[in-house]
Amino acid sequence: MSISKSLSAVIFLYVTFMFCSCKKDFVNLNGKIFNITNQTFIEQAKISIGGTTVQTNKNGEYKMPNLKINTEYILNIEHKDFVSITRKIKPNLAKDLTANFPLIPRGEEQIFNSTDSIISSMKGGGRIIIKPNSFITKESKLYRGEVVIKATFINPKENNLIIASPSTFISSDNRPLQTFGMFEVYATTVEGERLDISREKPILVEMPNISQLTNNVGLYYLNTISGFWVNNGILTYDKPTNTLLGQVTSISSAWNADDPCATTLVCIRIQVVDGSSTPRPRADASRIFFMYLVVAC
């Protein structure tokens, strides 16, 4: 073998070794988005991570490319007909990942005039009371006109709904929470532009007391940037009506009736999944629940 051929062989082997030994630093995230109540796939759901947004196809499939391994991301999923969810993900293997997500259908559409006092019932129980001229646009300008509202109460005791909750139950100070009910208010113009409410005109909320509490409970909103629930007041137990009463200052994300787990207890959330790490939707195997274990101080 000539020197030139030998050199070429060495170079080829070296380059091949370099290529084969390179570590894969980026992976793709794939999966499907489906309706938790009937298992049908959801088309045109928006999946956002950082500045990248993709949409599901008619089969509910999505593909989020180029996620850096060992990096924590906040994933948000939105669709006009389903409760939005926020999840933290952190790829830690140098191979593509599969994650399927169930969504909860929003409450029925109700149309009001923004200049009127509004009482909107929530699917699953409870209601919201809105003062006249409370709605603002994304530019924080007062909105006058018809408002389309979809208000949804999420009962954590109801089969399946807990696995499709807006976020995992961790507070902004990194404490585990136990939920007594969540709700989301989704308001838009007739044309579909998202609306919020003025902080000077908070919404009054009545939540069903599904856990039969006899005391007040914390009121948390979901920070969709961090993925944490942030304490923003209390819900007051009202004995005559057996409801939880409170005020919310924004409807840009979901709200939660929550309390941190006691300091002498550990909250463990258990979720049953199938072989592809997808939460099983059957009633006998899909519920996340809390177990309390006494630990030494």
Foldseek 3Di string as FASTA:
>chain_A
DDPVVVVVVVVVVVVVVVVVPDFQFWAKEKEFEAALPPGQGDWQKWKDKDPDIDTAHNRRIDMGTTDGAQDKIWIWIDDPFWAIAIEIDHHHDNYYAYDYAYTYGFADKDKDWQQCWDWAAAVPGKIKTFHHQFKAAPVRHTDTGMKIKTKYKQALVDARSVRNDRAAQAAPVGFGKDFQIKMAIWMDHPVRGTIKTALVTWMKIKAARPVQDPAKFWKWWADSRVRHTYTDGIFGQDVVVNITIDTDRIRPHMMTRIDGDDPQWDWDWDAFADPSRYGDSDRVGGRTDTDIDGDDD
